[in-house]
Amino acid sequence: MAPRDSAGNLEMNHTAPNSQPGAKISARNVSKIYDTADGSIVALDDFSLDVQEGEFVCIVGPSGCGKSTFLRMLAGLEDISFGSIDIRPGEDPAKPLNSVVFQEYAIFPWKTVIENVAFGLQMRGVNEATRHEIARMWLDRVGLGKFAGYYPQQISGGMKQRVSIIRALANDPEVLLMDEPLGALDAQTRVVLQDELMRIWEETRKTVVYITHSLDEAVFLGDRVILMSAQPGRKLATFNIDLPRPRTIDTMNTPRFAEYRAEIWAMLSREVTRAMEQQQ
C-alpha cells in the first residue's frame, strides 16, 4: 500500500526534487464556494499544497474539479471562501509576486510583439531602452527576434503563445502561474513548445504551478504531479516524478515515463468517469 502524508493524501514514488525548507507557496485548507440560483456549489474543498522554491508542480484532474479556480486564487483573481494562501516574497521588492499565462492568447492586438513582451516592465516603470533590451533578449531566446515589429495578427498561434510566456518571464516574477498555456495549440506545435518551455525552465528555475489536462505534459514538465478529484475538488494523490533532468522530448519514450503516466491515469480515469456521471 502506498504511504500517505499527514493530510491522508497518497504519496507516490520518491522525495520531490528541489525540495527546500520553507515553502515558496503555502495553501492551507483552501475552499471555494459559489452561490448560484440553484444554491451553493463547492468548487474546491479543503485543498492544501506546498510548493518549494524553484519547483515545477503540475496539477491535473477532470474538467470542473477546481484546478483553474485554485490557480486564479493563487494569482489573486478569485476570492478565497475559506483557508489561506501565502506566497513568500523574495529579497527584491521590485519583483512582481506572480505572473499568469492563460490558455487564450492574452496579448494586446494593437501592440507589436516586442511591446507586448515589454508590457509588464513598462507597468513597473522600467525605462523604454531597458525594457526593450530585456524583451529583445527574450525574443531572441525563443527564436522570435525577427518578428519583434510584427503585430499579433501577423504571427501564428504558437508564436503568440511564446509571446505570452516570455512576457511573463521578462517581468521576472517570483512565481509563474500557468493555466493550460499550450492547450489551444495543435499537437505538433504543443510538443515543440513543451520542449522549449522545459529548456527555459531549466535555465531560470522559476517556481511554477502548471494546470493541464495532458498527462504526458504533466509528467514531462513536473517535479510533482498533483491529482485532483472530481467536484468538489480535493487533493487525491501526489506523484513525485523521479525522471532525470534535463529532460527532452525523448524522455517521453522511456519505460519509466510510461509507468508514471499509467499510474496517474489509473486513478484519474475513475475521477473522469465520476465527473461525467455528475453531469448526467
C-alpha atoms as a PDB file:
ATOM      1  CA  MET A   1       0.000   0.000   0.000  1.00  0.00           C
ATOM      2  CA  ALA A   2       1.359   3.419  -0.922  1.00  0.00           C
ATOM      3  CA  PRO A   3       2.274   5.703   2.007  1.00  0.00           C
ATOM      4  CA  ARG A   4       0.169   8.728   2.906  1.00  0.00           C
ATOM      5  CA  ASP A   5       1.152  12.159   4.122  1.00  0.00           C
ATOM      6  CA  SER A   6      -0.160  13.841   7.284  1.00  0.00           C
ATOM      7  CA  ALA A   7      -3.283  15.006   5.443  1.00  0.00           C
ATOM      8  CA  GLY A   8      -4.061  11.480   4.228  1.00  0.00           C
ATOM      9  CA  ASN A   9      -3.070  12.079   0.610  1.00  0.00           C
ATOM     10  CA  LEU A  10      -1.352   9.313  -1.302  1.00  0.00           C
ATOM     11  CA  GLU A  11       2.382   9.909  -1.768  1.00  0.00           C
ATOM     12  CA  MET A  12       3.812   8.161  -4.806  1.00  0.00           C
ATOM     13  CA  ASN A  13       7.426   7.336  -5.586  1.00  0.00           C
ATOM     14  CA  HIS A  14      10.374   9.281  -4.181  1.00  0.00           C
ATOM     15  CA  THR A  15      11.023  12.564  -2.433  1.00  0.00           C
ATOM     16  CA  ALA A  16      10.338  15.535  -4.686  1.00  0.00           C
ATOM     17  CA  PRO A  17      13.430  17.058  -6.295  1.00  0.00           C
ATOM     18  CA  ASN A  18      14.404  20.660  -5.442  1.00  0.00           C
ATOM     19  CA  SER A  19      12.661  20.432  -2.050  1.00  0.00           C
ATOM     20  CA  GLN A  20      13.913  23.056   0.375  1.00  0.00           C
ATOM     21  CA  PRO A  21      12.800  24.096   3.840  1.00  0.00           C
ATOM     22  CA  GLY A  22      10.282  26.933   3.821  1.00  0.00           C
ATOM     23  CA  ALA A  23       7.670  26.708   1.074  1.00  0.00           C
ATOM     24  CA  LYS A  24       7.508  29.409  -1.587  1.00  0.00           C
ATOM     25  CA  ILE A  25       3.753  28.805  -1.868  1.00  0.00           C
ATOM     26  CA  SER A  26       1.686  27.564   1.031  1.00  0.00           C
ATOM     27  CA  ALA A  27      -2.027  26.885   0.572  1.00  0.00           C
ATOM     28  CA  ARG A  28      -3.863  25.682   3.667  1.00  0.00           C
ATOM     29  CA  ASN A  29      -7.346  24.140   3.715  1.00  0.00           C
ATOM     30  CA  VAL A  30      -8.498  26.274   0.807  1.00  0.00           C
ATOM     31  CA  SER A  31     -12.154  26.083  -0.221  1.00  0.00           C
ATOM     32  CA  LYS A  32     -14.133  27.937  -2.864  1.00  0.00           C
ATOM     33  CA  ILE A  33     -17.917  28.132  -2.734  1.00  0.00           C
ATOM     34  CA  TYR A  34     -20.034  29.780  -5.413  1.00  0.00           C
ATOM     35  CA  ASP A  35     -23.567  30.999  -4.770  1.00  0.00           C
ATOM     36  CA  THR A  36     -25.866  30.219  -7.705  1.00  0.00           C
ATOM     37  CA  ALA A  37     -29.580  30.361  -8.411  1.00  0.00           C
ATOM     38  CA  ASP A  38     -29.721  26.644  -7.573  1.00  0.00           C
ATOM     39  CA  GLY A  39     -27.873  27.054  -4.285  1.00  0.00           C
ATOM     40  CA  SER A  40     -24.259  26.920  -3.155  1.00  0.00           C
ATOM     41  CA  ILE A  41     -21.710  24.939  -5.198  1.00  0.00           C
ATOM     42  CA  VAL A  42     -18.457  23.781  -3.622  1.00  0.00           C
ATOM     43  CA  ALA A  43     -15.848  24.034  -6.379  1.00  0.00           C
ATOM     44  CA  LEU A  44     -12.805  23.385  -4.185  1.00  0.00           C
ATOM     45  CA  ASP A  45     -12.840  21.698  -0.793  1.00  0.00           C
ATOM     46  CA  ASP A  46     -10.148  21.746   1.909  1.00  0.00           C
ATOM     47  CA  PHE A  47      -7.252  21.847  -0.572  1.00  0.00           C
ATOM     48  CA  SER A  48      -3.715  22.167   0.818  1.00  0.00           C
ATOM     49  CA  LEU A  49      -0.468  22.376  -1.132  1.00  0.00           C
ATOM     50  CA  ASP A  50       3.131  23.463  -0.508  1.00  0.00           C
ATOM     51  CA  VAL A  51       5.364  24.375  -3.434  1.00  0.00           C
ATOM     52  CA  GLN A  52       9.091  24.799  -2.837  1.00  0.00           C
ATOM     53  CA  GLU A  53      11.338  27.475  -4.302  1.00  0.00           C
ATOM     54  CA  GLY A  54      12.272  26.527  -7.879  1.00  0.00           C
ATOM     55  CA  GLU A  55       9.839  23.603  -8.044  1.00  0.00           C
ATOM     56  CA  PHE A  56       7.701  22.824 -11.097  1.00  0.00           C
ATOM     57  CA  VAL A  57       4.337  21.477  -9.899  1.00  0.00           C
ATOM     58  CA  CYS A  58       1.657  20.284 -12.325  1.00  0.00           C
ATOM     59  CA  ILE A  59      -1.991  19.896 -11.325  1.00  0.00           C
ATOM     60  CA  VAL A  60      -4.282  17.514 -13.220  1.00  0.00           C
ATOM     61  CA  GLY A  61      -7.858  16.439 -12.729  1.00  0.00           C
ATOM     62  CA  PRO A  62     -11.177  16.028 -14.542  1.00  0.00           C
ATOM     63  CA  SER A  63     -12.951  19.039 -16.017  1.00  0.00           C
ATOM     64  CA  GLY A  64     -14.713  21.086 -13.362  1.00  0.00           C
ATOM     65  CA  CYS A  65     -12.527  19.872 -10.476  1.00  0.00           C
ATOM     66  CA  GLY A  66     -11.447  23.377  -9.477  1.00  0.00           C
ATOM     67  CA  LYS A  67      -7.826  23.320 -10.627  1.00  0.00           C
ATOM     68  CA  SER A  68      -8.113  26.549 -12.624  1.00  0.00           C
ATOM     69  CA  THR A  69     -10.085  28.104  -9.768  1.00  0.00           C
ATOM     70  CA  PHE A  70      -7.202  27.302  -7.435  1.00  0.00           C
ATOM     71  CA  LEU A  71      -4.700  28.881  -9.817  1.00  0.00           C
ATOM     72  CA  ARG A  72      -6.832  32.020 -10.052  1.00  0.00           C
ATOM     73  CA  MET A  73      -6.894  32.207  -6.265  1.00  0.00           C
ATOM     74  CA  LEU A  74      -3.092  31.901  -6.232  1.00  0.00           C
ATOM     75  CA  ALA A  75      -2.996  34.812  -8.666  1.00  0.00           C
ATOM     76  CA  GLY A  76      -5.370  36.902  -6.560  1.00  0.00           C
ATOM     77  CA  LEU A  77      -8.019  36.862  -9.299  1.00  0.00           C
ATOM     78  CA  GLU A  78     -10.542  34.897  -7.189  1.00  0.00           C
ATOM     79  CA  ASP A  79     -11.520  35.359  -3.565  1.00  0.00           C
ATOM     80  CA  ILE A  80     -10.908  32.510  -1.118  1.00  0.00           C
ATOM     81  CA  SER A  81     -14.038  31.298   0.667  1.00  0.00           C
ATOM     82  CA  PHE A  82     -12.136  29.502   3.435  1.00  0.00           C
ATOM     83  CA  GLY A  83      -8.487  28.773   4.204  1.00  0.00           C
ATOM     84  CA  SER A  84      -5.370  30.736   3.348  1.00  0.00           C
ATOM     85  CA  ILE A  85      -2.793  31.165   0.591  1.00  0.00           C
ATOM     86  CA  ASP A  86       0.650  32.631   1.180  1.00  0.00           C
ATOM     87  CA  ILE A  87       3.345  33.318  -1.400  1.00  0.00           C
ATOM     88  CA  ARG A  88       6.657  34.133   0.244  1.00  0.00           C
ATOM     89  CA  PRO A  89       8.181  37.235  -1.368  1.00  0.00           C
ATOM     90  CA  GLY A  90      11.785  37.319  -2.469  1.00  0.00           C
ATOM     91  CA  GLU A  91      14.523  39.707  -1.455  1.00  0.00           C
ATOM     92  CA  ASP A  92      13.860  42.157  -4.294  1.00  0.00           C
ATOM     93  CA  PRO A  93      10.695  44.182  -3.538  1.00  0.00           C
ATOM     94  CA  ALA A  94      10.598  45.415  -7.148  1.00  0.00           C
ATOM     95  CA  LYS A  95       9.885  41.916  -8.449  1.00  0.00           C
ATOM     96  CA  PRO A  96       6.203  41.062  -9.004  1.00  0.00           C
ATOM     97  CA  LEU A  97       4.944  38.253  -6.810  1.00  0.00           C
ATOM     98  CA  ASN A  98       3.475  36.320  -9.731  1.00  0.00           C
ATOM     99  CA  SER A  99       2.714  36.396 -13.434  1.00  0.00           C
ATOM    100  CA  VAL A 100      -0.045  34.385 -15.126  1.00  0.00           C
ATOM    101  CA  VAL A 101      -0.133  32.715 -18.540  1.00  0.00           C
ATOM    102  CA  PHE A 102      -3.585  31.613 -19.713  1.00  0.00           C
ATOM    103  CA  GLN A 103      -4.695  29.275 -22.481  1.00  0.00           C
ATOM    104  CA  GLU A 104      -6.007  32.201 -24.501  1.00  0.00           C
ATOM    105  CA  TYR A 105      -3.525  34.411 -26.286  1.00  0.00           C
ATOM    106  CA  ALA A 106      -3.802  37.272 -23.798  1.00  0.00           C
ATOM    107  CA  ILE A 107      -1.683  39.718 -25.759  1.00  0.00           C
ATOM    108  CA  PHE A 108      -2.644  43.171 -26.990  1.00  0.00           C
ATOM    109  CA  PRO A 109      -3.519  43.247 -30.711  1.00  0.00           C
ATOM    110  CA  TRP A 110      -2.652  46.944 -31.003  1.00  0.00           C
ATOM    111  CA  LYS A 111       0.881  46.470 -29.668  1.00  0.00           C
ATOM    112  CA  THR A 112       3.821  44.966 -31.538  1.00  0.00           C
ATOM    113  CA  VAL A 113       5.387  41.713 -30.371  1.00  0.00           C
ATOM    114  CA  ILE A 114       8.241  43.491 -28.585  1.00  0.00           C
ATOM    115  CA  GLU A 115       5.829  45.964 -26.972  1.00  0.00           C
ATOM    116  CA  ASN A 116       3.742  43.047 -25.699  1.00  0.00           C
ATOM    117  CA  VAL A 117       6.773  41.328 -24.180  1.00  0.00           C
ATOM    118  CA  ALA A 118       7.886  44.593 -22.550  1.00  0.00           C
ATOM    119  CA  PHE A 119       4.443  45.487 -21.199  1.00  0.00           C
ATOM    120  CA  GLY A 120       4.916  44.196 -17.633  1.00  0.00           C
ATOM    121  CA  LEU A 121       8.211  46.032 -17.367  1.00  0.00           C
ATOM    122  CA  GLN A 122       6.515  49.194 -18.614  1.00  0.00           C
ATOM    123  CA  MET A 123       3.892  48.869 -15.873  1.00  0.00           C
ATOM    124  CA  ARG A 124       6.731  48.631 -13.338  1.00  0.00           C
ATOM    125  CA  GLY A 125       8.184  51.903 -14.593  1.00  0.00           C
ATOM    126  CA  VAL A 126      11.238  50.448 -16.336  1.00  0.00           C
ATOM    127  CA  ASN A 127      12.565  52.912 -18.907  1.00  0.00           C
ATOM    128  CA  GLU A 128      11.941  52.202 -22.583  1.00  0.00           C
ATOM    129  CA  ALA A 129      15.516  51.387 -23.560  1.00  0.00           C
ATOM    130  CA  THR A 130      15.968  48.866 -20.735  1.00  0.00           C
ATOM    131  CA  ARG A 131      12.623  47.158 -21.156  1.00  0.00           C
ATOM    132  CA  HIS A 132      13.106  46.789 -24.912  1.00  0.00           C
ATOM    133  CA  GLU A 133      16.595  45.377 -24.340  1.00  0.00           C
ATOM    134  CA  ILE A 134      15.151  42.758 -21.950  1.00  0.00           C
ATOM    135  CA  ALA A 135      12.262  41.999 -24.309  1.00  0.00           C
ATOM    136  CA  ARG A 136      14.636  41.635 -27.264  1.00  0.00           C
ATOM    137  CA  MET A 137      16.794  39.199 -25.272  1.00  0.00           C
ATOM    138  CA  TRP A 138      13.762  37.002 -24.544  1.00  0.00           C
ATOM    139  CA  LEU A 139      12.539  37.156 -28.138  1.00  0.00           C
ATOM    140  CA  ASP A 140      15.955  36.048 -29.375  1.00  0.00           C
ATOM    141  CA  ARG A 141      15.968  33.145 -26.868  1.00  0.00           C
ATOM    142  CA  VAL A 142      12.781  31.706 -28.336  1.00  0.00           C
ATOM    143  CA  GLY A 143      13.552  32.438 -31.980  1.00  0.00           C
ATOM    144  CA  LEU A 144      11.192  35.388 -32.392  1.00  0.00           C
ATOM    145  CA  GLY A 145      13.736  38.182 -32.713  1.00  0.00           C
ATOM    146  CA  LYS A 146      12.934  38.923 -36.343  1.00  0.00           C
ATOM    147  CA  PHE A 147       9.227  39.231 -35.504  1.00  0.00           C
ATOM    148  CA  ALA A 148       9.736  41.970 -32.889  1.00  0.00           C
ATOM    149  CA  GLY A 149       7.994  44.608 -35.000  1.00  0.00           C
ATOM    150  CA  TYR A 150       5.080  42.399 -36.085  1.00  0.00           C
ATOM    151  CA  TYR A 151       1.559  42.649 -34.681  1.00  0.00           C
ATOM    152  CA  PRO A 152      -0.203  39.604 -33.155  1.00  0.00           C
ATOM    153  CA  GLN A 153      -2.476  39.132 -36.178  1.00  0.00           C
ATOM    154  CA  GLN A 154       0.636  38.684 -38.318  1.00  0.00           C
ATOM    155  CA  ILE A 155       2.058  35.696 -36.412  1.00  0.00           C
ATOM    156  CA  SER A 156       0.907  32.116 -35.767  1.00  0.00           C
ATOM    157  CA  GLY A 157      -0.857  30.745 -32.702  1.00  0.00           C
ATOM    158  CA  GLY A 158       2.291  29.060 -31.463  1.00  0.00           C
ATOM    159  CA  MET A 159       4.212  32.311 -31.784  1.00  0.00           C
ATOM    160  CA  LYS A 160       1.502  34.202 -29.897  1.00  0.00           C
ATOM    161  CA  GLN A 161       1.727  31.763 -27.013  1.00  0.00           C
ATOM    162  CA  ARG A 162       5.500  32.080 -26.972  1.00  0.00           C
ATOM    163  CA  VAL A 163       4.988  35.827 -26.653  1.00  0.00           C
ATOM    164  CA  SER A 164       2.580  35.256 -23.731  1.00  0.00           C
ATOM    165  CA  ILE A 165       5.068  33.001 -21.949  1.00  0.00           C
ATOM    166  CA  ILE A 166       8.126  35.198 -22.369  1.00  0.00           C
ATOM    167  CA  ARG A 167       6.128  38.325 -21.466  1.00  0.00           C
ATOM    168  CA  ALA A 168       5.505  36.680 -18.096  1.00  0.00           C
ATOM    169  CA  LEU A 169       9.171  35.656 -17.766  1.00  0.00           C
ATOM    170  CA  ALA A 170      10.513  39.046 -18.860  1.00  0.00           C
ATOM    171  CA  ASN A 171       8.750  40.604 -15.879  1.00  0.00           C
ATOM    172  CA  ASP A 172      10.865  38.298 -13.649  1.00  0.00           C
ATOM    173  CA  PRO A 173       8.111  37.194 -11.244  1.00  0.00           C
ATOM    174  CA  GLU A 174       8.708  35.233  -8.062  1.00  0.00           C
ATOM    175  CA  VAL A 175       6.133  32.636  -9.194  1.00  0.00           C
ATOM    176  CA  LEU A 176       4.887  31.688 -12.658  1.00  0.00           C
ATOM    177  CA  LEU A 177       1.266  30.505 -12.799  1.00  0.00           C
ATOM    178  CA  MET A 178       0.240  28.725 -15.999  1.00  0.00           C
ATOM    179  CA  ASP A 179      -3.319  27.664 -16.827  1.00  0.00           C
ATOM    180  CA  GLU A 180      -3.371  25.265 -19.818  1.00  0.00           C
ATOM    181  CA  PRO A 181      -0.938  27.549 -21.662  1.00  0.00           C
ATOM    182  CA  LEU A 182      -0.468  25.108 -24.566  1.00  0.00           C
ATOM    183  CA  GLY A 183      -3.984  23.677 -24.617  1.00  0.00           C
ATOM    184  CA  ALA A 184      -5.187  25.593 -27.679  1.00  0.00           C
ATOM    185  CA  LEU A 185      -2.262  24.584 -29.889  1.00  0.00           C
ATOM    186  CA  ASP A 186      -2.096  21.805 -32.456  1.00  0.00           C
ATOM    187  CA  ALA A 187      -0.321  18.625 -31.348  1.00  0.00           C
ATOM    188  CA  GLN A 188       2.950  19.254 -33.181  1.00  0.00           C
ATOM    189  CA  THR A 189       3.298  22.862 -32.026  1.00  0.00           C
ATOM    190  CA  ARG A 190       2.426  21.798 -28.496  1.00  0.00           C
ATOM    191  CA  VAL A 191       5.268  19.265 -28.385  1.00  0.00           C
ATOM    192  CA  VAL A 192       7.743  21.849 -29.687  1.00  0.00           C
ATOM    193  CA  LEU A 193       6.679  24.401 -27.065  1.00  0.00           C
ATOM    194  CA  GLN A 194       6.751  21.813 -24.269  1.00  0.00           C
ATOM    195  CA  ASP A 195      10.388  21.216 -25.136  1.00  0.00           C
ATOM    196  CA  GLU A 196      11.049  24.950 -25.333  1.00  0.00           C
ATOM    197  CA  LEU A 197       9.315  25.624 -22.024  1.00  0.00           C
ATOM    198  CA  MET A 198      11.354  22.867 -20.389  1.00  0.00           C
ATOM    199  CA  ARG A 199      14.579  24.382 -21.695  1.00  0.00           C
ATOM    200  CA  ILE A 200      13.632  27.858 -20.434  1.00  0.00           C
ATOM    201  CA  TRP A 201      12.707  26.495 -17.014  1.00  0.00           C
ATOM    202  CA  GLU A 202      15.991  24.621 -16.753  1.00  0.00           C
ATOM    203  CA  GLU A 203      17.760  27.964 -17.261  1.00  0.00           C
ATOM    204  CA  THR A 204      15.604  30.117 -14.971  1.00  0.00           C
ATOM    205  CA  ARG A 205      14.383  27.625 -12.313  1.00  0.00           C
ATOM    206  CA  LYS A 206      11.283  29.700 -11.641  1.00  0.00           C
ATOM    207  CA  THR A 207       8.730  28.377  -9.187  1.00  0.00           C
ATOM    208  CA  VAL A 208       5.891  27.155 -11.434  1.00  0.00           C
ATOM    209  CA  VAL A 209       2.341  25.963 -10.836  1.00  0.00           C
ATOM    210  CA  TYR A 210       1.044  24.493 -14.089  1.00  0.00           C
ATOM    211  CA  ILE A 211      -2.533  23.401 -14.850  1.00  0.00           C
ATOM    212  CA  THR A 212      -3.012  20.862 -17.625  1.00  0.00           C
ATOM    213  CA  HIS A 213      -5.327  18.133 -18.885  1.00  0.00           C
ATOM    214  CA  SER A 214      -2.426  16.333 -20.569  1.00  0.00           C
ATOM    215  CA  LEU A 215      -0.766  13.587 -18.543  1.00  0.00           C
ATOM    216  CA  ASP A 216       2.161  13.495 -20.968  1.00  0.00           C
ATOM    217  CA  GLU A 217       2.703  17.204 -20.407  1.00  0.00           C
ATOM    218  CA  ALA A 218       2.401  16.902 -16.618  1.00  0.00           C
ATOM    219  CA  VAL A 219       4.877  14.015 -16.336  1.00  0.00           C
ATOM    220  CA  PHE A 220       7.308  15.611 -18.786  1.00  0.00           C
ATOM    221  CA  LEU A 221       7.382  19.021 -17.113  1.00  0.00           C
ATOM    222  CA  GLY A 222       6.716  18.401 -13.457  1.00  0.00           C
ATOM    223  CA  ASP A 223       8.775  17.641 -10.384  1.00  0.00           C
ATOM    224  CA  ARG A 224       5.438  16.637  -8.882  1.00  0.00           C
ATOM    225  CA  VAL A 225       2.003  15.930 -10.327  1.00  0.00           C
ATOM    226  CA  ILE A 226      -0.953  16.714  -8.063  1.00  0.00           C
ATOM    227  CA  LEU A 227      -4.097  14.733  -8.878  1.00  0.00           C
ATOM    228  CA  MET A 228      -7.437  16.319  -8.001  1.00  0.00           C
ATOM    229  CA  SER A 229     -10.755  14.579  -7.531  1.00  0.00           C
ATOM    230  CA  ALA A 230     -13.991  15.263  -9.356  1.00  0.00           C
ATOM    231  CA  GLN A 231     -16.080  18.122  -7.944  1.00  0.00           C
ATOM    232  CA  PRO A 232     -15.726  19.183  -5.239  1.00  0.00           C
ATOM    233  CA  GLY A 233     -12.034  19.333  -5.994  1.00  0.00           C
ATOM    234  CA  ARG A 234      -9.830  17.764  -3.348  1.00  0.00           C
ATOM    235  CA  LYS A 235      -6.206  16.660  -3.446  1.00  0.00           C
ATOM    236  CA  LEU A 236      -6.429  12.972  -4.217  1.00  0.00           C
ATOM    237  CA  ALA A 237      -2.788  11.992  -4.715  1.00  0.00           C
ATOM    238  CA  THR A 238       0.738  13.315  -5.199  1.00  0.00           C
ATOM    239  CA  PHE A 239       3.082  11.718  -7.727  1.00  0.00           C
ATOM    240  CA  ASN A 240       6.752  12.620  -7.349  1.00  0.00           C
ATOM    241  CA  ILE A 241       8.322  12.400 -10.815  1.00  0.00           C
ATOM    242  CA  ASP A 242      11.780  10.918 -10.447  1.00  0.00           C
ATOM    243  CA  LEU A 243      12.938  11.346 -14.043  1.00  0.00           C
ATOM    244  CA  PRO A 244      16.424  12.760 -14.607  1.00  0.00           C
ATOM    245  CA  ARG A 245      16.867  16.342 -15.735  1.00  0.00           C
ATOM    246  CA  PRO A 246      17.465  17.946 -18.102  1.00  0.00           C
ATOM    247  CA  ARG A 247      14.578  16.323 -19.950  1.00  0.00           C
ATOM    248  CA  THR A 248      13.971  16.297 -23.673  1.00  0.00           C
ATOM    249  CA  ILE A 249      11.135  15.046 -25.824  1.00  0.00           C
ATOM    250  CA  ASP A 250      12.936  11.680 -25.942  1.00  0.00           C
ATOM    251  CA  THR A 251      12.143  11.347 -22.222  1.00  0.00           C
ATOM    252  CA  MET A 252       8.543  10.633 -23.239  1.00  0.00           C
ATOM    253  CA  ASN A 253       9.675   7.442 -24.972  1.00  0.00           C
ATOM    254  CA  THR A 254      11.218   5.851 -21.875  1.00  0.00           C
ATOM    255  CA  PRO A 255       9.588   2.957 -19.973  1.00  0.00           C
ATOM    256  CA  ARG A 256       9.606   4.903 -16.691  1.00  0.00           C
ATOM    257  CA  PHE A 257       7.724   7.769 -18.302  1.00  0.00           C
ATOM    258  CA  ALA A 258       5.054   5.338 -19.488  1.00  0.00           C
ATOM    259  CA  GLU A 259       4.828   3.853 -15.985  1.00  0.00           C
ATOM    260  CA  TYR A 260       4.191   7.257 -14.420  1.00  0.00           C
ATOM    261  CA  ARG A 261       1.530   8.067 -16.987  1.00  0.00           C
ATOM    262  CA  ALA A 262      -0.193   4.721 -16.402  1.00  0.00           C
ATOM    263  CA  GLU A 263      -0.094   5.136 -12.599  1.00  0.00           C
ATOM    264  CA  ILE A 264      -1.721   8.553 -12.784  1.00  0.00           C
ATOM    265  CA  TRP A 265      -4.300   7.504 -15.368  1.00  0.00           C
ATOM    266  CA  ALA A 266      -5.350   4.519 -13.256  1.00  0.00           C
ATOM    267  CA  MET A 267      -6.584   6.959 -10.618  1.00  0.00           C
ATOM    268  CA  LEU A 268      -7.595   9.833 -12.884  1.00  0.00           C
ATOM    269  CA  SER A 269      -9.827   7.662 -15.089  1.00  0.00           C
ATOM    270  CA  ARG A 270     -12.104   6.917 -12.134  1.00  0.00           C
ATOM    271  CA  GLU A 271     -12.453  10.627 -11.399  1.00  0.00           C
ATOM    272  CA  VAL A 272     -13.179  11.424 -15.043  1.00  0.00           C
ATOM    273  CA  THR A 273     -15.965   8.825 -15.028  1.00  0.00           C
ATOM    274  CA  ARG A 274     -17.350  10.259 -11.788  1.00  0.00           C
ATOM    275  CA  ALA A 275     -17.280  13.784 -13.213  1.00  0.00           C
ATOM    276  CA  MET A 276     -19.203  12.641 -16.291  1.00  0.00           C
ATOM    277  CA  GLU A 277     -21.797  10.926 -14.110  1.00  0.00           C
ATOM    278  CA  GLN A 278     -22.272  14.148 -12.144  1.00  0.00           C
ATOM    279  CA  GLN A 279     -23.218  15.930 -15.351  1.00  0.00           C
ATOM    280  CA  GLN A 280     -25.980  13.493 -16.295  1.00  0.00           C
END
